[in-house]
């Protein structure tokens, strides 16, 4: 089974074992479900405990979560820095959205179908995500993930169609 991280657990909240968390998903309404099973993963990446969500309060990216199996502030305190993970098969993407991790390694092709490089990362430090490609010459170049530059993403052929403008490569 493959899992995706949907929240990072912070500090305890209240006296019932609830915990502050930061959402790592763009779709909290689809990912956080009462009475749904999740997995807690520690800082080293080991899955340590299955939990059942029984309380959720969403305030933007900030969350307060409660689990049936965690009932005291002391138990919640031990989870600081853990991630809340969800079975990837139970977290489908809404129509028209993609997981960046799934397209790493796709080949970039220009409007004529000529290969221009391989996607090696998606950088999200600006308002618009940027695709980082390793060009055929070994040098990296960036393509803003907007319609002006990125066309169809062909999952079957693992291709990203890029509209190459002068100076882009």
Protein backbone atom coordinates (compact mmCIF):
# COMPACT_ATOMS: atom_id res chain seq x y z
CA UNK A 1 0.00 0.00 0.00
CA UNK A 2 1.23 3.50 -0.83
CA UNK A 3 0.52 6.45 1.46
CA UNK A 4 0.49 10.23 1.07
CA UNK A 5 1.09 12.73 3.87
CA UNK A 6 -1.89 15.00 4.41
CA UNK A 7 -0.93 16.78 7.66
CA UNK A 8 2.03 17.55 9.88
CA UNK A 9 1.29 17.21 13.58
CA UNK A 10 2.41 20.06 15.85
CA UNK A 11 1.56 20.53 19.53
CA UNK A 12 -1.21 19.24 21.81
CA UNK A 13 -4.45 21.18 22.12
CA UNK A 14 -6.75 20.97 25.12
CA UNK A 15 -7.20 18.16 27.61
CA UNK A 16 -8.71 15.44 25.41
CA UNK A 17 -5.64 14.50 23.36
CA UNK A 18 -6.39 16.72 20.42
CA UNK A 19 -3.48 18.14 18.46
CA UNK A 20 -2.70 21.17 16.32
CA UNK A 21 -1.73 20.22 12.77
CA UNK A 22 -0.84 21.89 9.48
CA UNK A 23 -2.61 20.67 6.37
CA UNK A 24 -0.33 19.43 3.59
CA UNK A 25 -3.15 18.96 1.10
CA UNK A 26 -4.98 21.33 -1.21
CA UNK A 27 -8.16 19.33 -0.61
CA UNK A 28 -8.81 19.16 3.15
CA UNK A 29 -12.53 18.61 2.65
CA UNK A 30 -11.76 15.46 0.62
CA UNK A 31 -8.92 14.13 2.79
CA UNK A 32 -10.05 14.60 6.41
CA UNK A 33 -13.04 12.37 7.18
CA UNK A 34 -14.47 11.50 10.57
CA UNK A 35 -14.27 7.80 11.45
CA UNK A 36 -11.72 7.24 8.69
CA UNK A 37 -8.50 5.29 9.38
CA UNK A 38 -5.11 6.99 8.92
CA UNK A 39 -1.51 6.11 9.69
CA UNK A 40 0.87 8.12 11.87
CA UNK A 41 4.44 8.23 10.54
CA UNK A 42 7.32 9.29 12.77
CA UNK A 43 10.17 11.67 11.91
CA UNK A 44 12.30 8.76 10.66
CA UNK A 45 9.60 7.71 8.18
CA UNK A 46 8.38 4.63 10.04
CA UNK A 47 4.64 4.04 10.23
CA UNK A 48 3.97 3.66 13.93
CA UNK A 49 0.25 3.63 14.57
CA UNK A 50 -3.12 3.41 12.87
CA UNK A 51 -5.60 6.00 14.15
CA UNK A 52 -9.24 6.88 13.59
CA UNK A 53 -10.17 10.54 13.15
CA UNK A 54 -13.04 11.51 15.47
CA UNK A 55 -12.69 15.32 15.58
CA UNK A 56 -11.66 17.93 13.06
CA UNK A 57 -11.72 21.72 13.07
CA UNK A 58 -10.34 23.29 9.87
CA UNK A 59 -9.18 26.91 9.93
CA UNK A 60 -7.42 27.48 6.59
CA UNK A 61 -4.19 25.44 6.66
CA UNK A 62 -4.44 25.13 10.45
CA UNK A 63 -6.24 22.12 11.89
CA UNK A 64 -7.20 20.73 15.26
CA UNK A 65 -7.47 16.95 15.05
CA UNK A 66 -8.71 14.36 17.50
CA UNK A 67 -8.26 10.60 17.30
CA UNK A 68 -10.13 7.82 19.09
CA UNK A 69 -6.84 6.23 20.11
CA UNK A 70 -5.26 9.44 21.53
CA UNK A 71 -7.07 10.65 24.66
CA UNK A 72 -4.57 12.65 26.74
CA UNK A 73 -2.35 15.70 26.14
CA UNK A 74 0.66 13.54 27.05
CA UNK A 75 -0.13 11.06 24.25
CA UNK A 76 -0.63 13.95 21.81
CA UNK A 77 2.67 15.51 22.91
CA UNK A 78 4.53 12.35 21.83
CA UNK A 79 3.23 12.86 18.27
CA UNK A 80 4.81 16.27 17.65
CA UNK A 81 6.60 16.19 14.29
CA UNK A 82 4.76 13.10 13.05
CA UNK A 83 2.83 13.12 9.80
CA UNK A 84 -0.72 11.95 9.25
CA UNK A 85 -0.79 9.71 6.20
CA UNK A 86 -3.63 8.43 4.08
CA UNK A 87 -3.83 5.45 1.76
CA UNK A 88 -3.22 6.92 -1.71
CA UNK A 89 -5.96 4.74 -3.22
CA UNK A 90 -8.47 6.41 -0.89
CA UNK A 91 -7.32 9.91 -1.93
CA UNK A 92 -8.22 10.36 -5.58
CA UNK A 93 -7.46 13.70 -7.19
CA UNK A 94 -10.37 15.88 -8.33
CA UNK A 95 -10.90 16.13 -12.08
CA UNK A 96 -8.21 18.22 -13.76
CA UNK A 97 -5.65 18.00 -10.92
CA UNK A 98 -2.38 16.05 -10.76
CA UNK A 99 0.05 14.94 -8.07
CA UNK A 100 3.43 16.44 -8.85
CA UNK A 101 5.19 13.35 -7.51
CA UNK A 102 3.53 11.25 -10.21
CA UNK A 103 4.96 13.23 -13.13
CA UNK A 104 8.59 13.39 -12.02
CA UNK A 105 10.59 11.60 -14.73
CA UNK A 106 8.22 12.52 -17.56
CA UNK A 107 9.91 13.71 -20.74
CA UNK A 108 9.35 17.27 -21.90
CA UNK A 109 8.66 17.71 -25.61
CA UNK A 110 8.27 20.87 -27.66
CA UNK A 111 5.42 21.69 -30.06
CA UNK A 112 7.04 19.54 -32.78
CA UNK A 113 7.36 16.54 -30.44
CA UNK A 114 11.13 16.91 -30.04
CA UNK A 115 12.46 15.96 -26.61
CA UNK A 116 13.80 18.91 -24.60
CA UNK A 117 14.53 17.27 -21.24
CA UNK A 118 13.27 15.30 -18.24
CA UNK A 119 11.18 16.67 -15.36
CA UNK A 120 13.28 16.35 -12.19
CA UNK A 121 11.37 18.53 -9.69
CA UNK A 122 8.44 20.86 -9.15
CA UNK A 123 9.44 24.02 -7.32
CA UNK A 124 6.73 25.87 -5.40
CA UNK A 125 8.55 28.86 -3.93
CA UNK A 126 6.78 31.38 -6.16
CA UNK A 127 3.07 32.09 -6.68
CA UNK A 128 3.21 29.82 -9.73
CA UNK A 129 4.75 26.34 -9.48
CA UNK A 130 7.71 25.82 -11.82
CA UNK A 131 8.67 22.59 -13.50
CA UNK A 132 12.41 21.97 -13.23
CA UNK A 133 13.72 20.03 -16.21
CA UNK A 134 17.14 18.57 -16.84
CA UNK A 135 17.87 19.54 -20.43
CA UNK A 136 19.51 17.29 -22.99
CA UNK A 137 22.74 19.25 -22.41
CA UNK A 138 22.64 18.35 -18.69
CA UNK A 139 21.71 21.86 -17.53
CA UNK A 140 18.55 22.61 -15.59
CA UNK A 141 15.86 24.94 -16.86
CA UNK A 142 12.53 26.01 -15.42
CA UNK A 143 9.09 26.20 -17.02
CA UNK A 144 6.24 28.01 -15.23
CA UNK A 145 3.29 25.65 -14.78
CA UNK A 146 0.78 27.84 -16.62
CA UNK A 147 -1.14 27.28 -19.87
CA UNK A 148 1.12 29.68 -21.76
CA UNK A 149 4.06 27.29 -21.31
CA UNK A 150 2.67 23.87 -20.41
CA UNK A 151 0.26 22.08 -22.70
CA UNK A 152 -1.08 18.57 -22.39
CA UNK A 153 0.36 16.18 -19.82
CA UNK A 154 0.13 12.73 -21.41
CA UNK A 155 0.17 10.17 -18.59
CA UNK A 156 0.03 7.21 -20.96
CA UNK A 157 3.19 8.25 -22.85
CA UNK A 158 4.70 10.06 -19.83
CA UNK A 159 5.13 13.29 -21.78
CA UNK A 160 4.72 16.95 -20.90
CA UNK A 161 4.09 19.20 -23.89
CA UNK A 162 5.97 22.49 -23.46
CA UNK A 163 5.40 25.59 -25.58
CA UNK A 164 9.00 26.71 -26.01
CA UNK A 165 9.48 30.44 -26.37
CA UNK A 166 12.74 32.14 -27.23
CA UNK A 167 15.05 32.22 -24.22
CA UNK A 168 13.21 29.50 -22.31
CA UNK A 169 15.82 26.76 -22.77
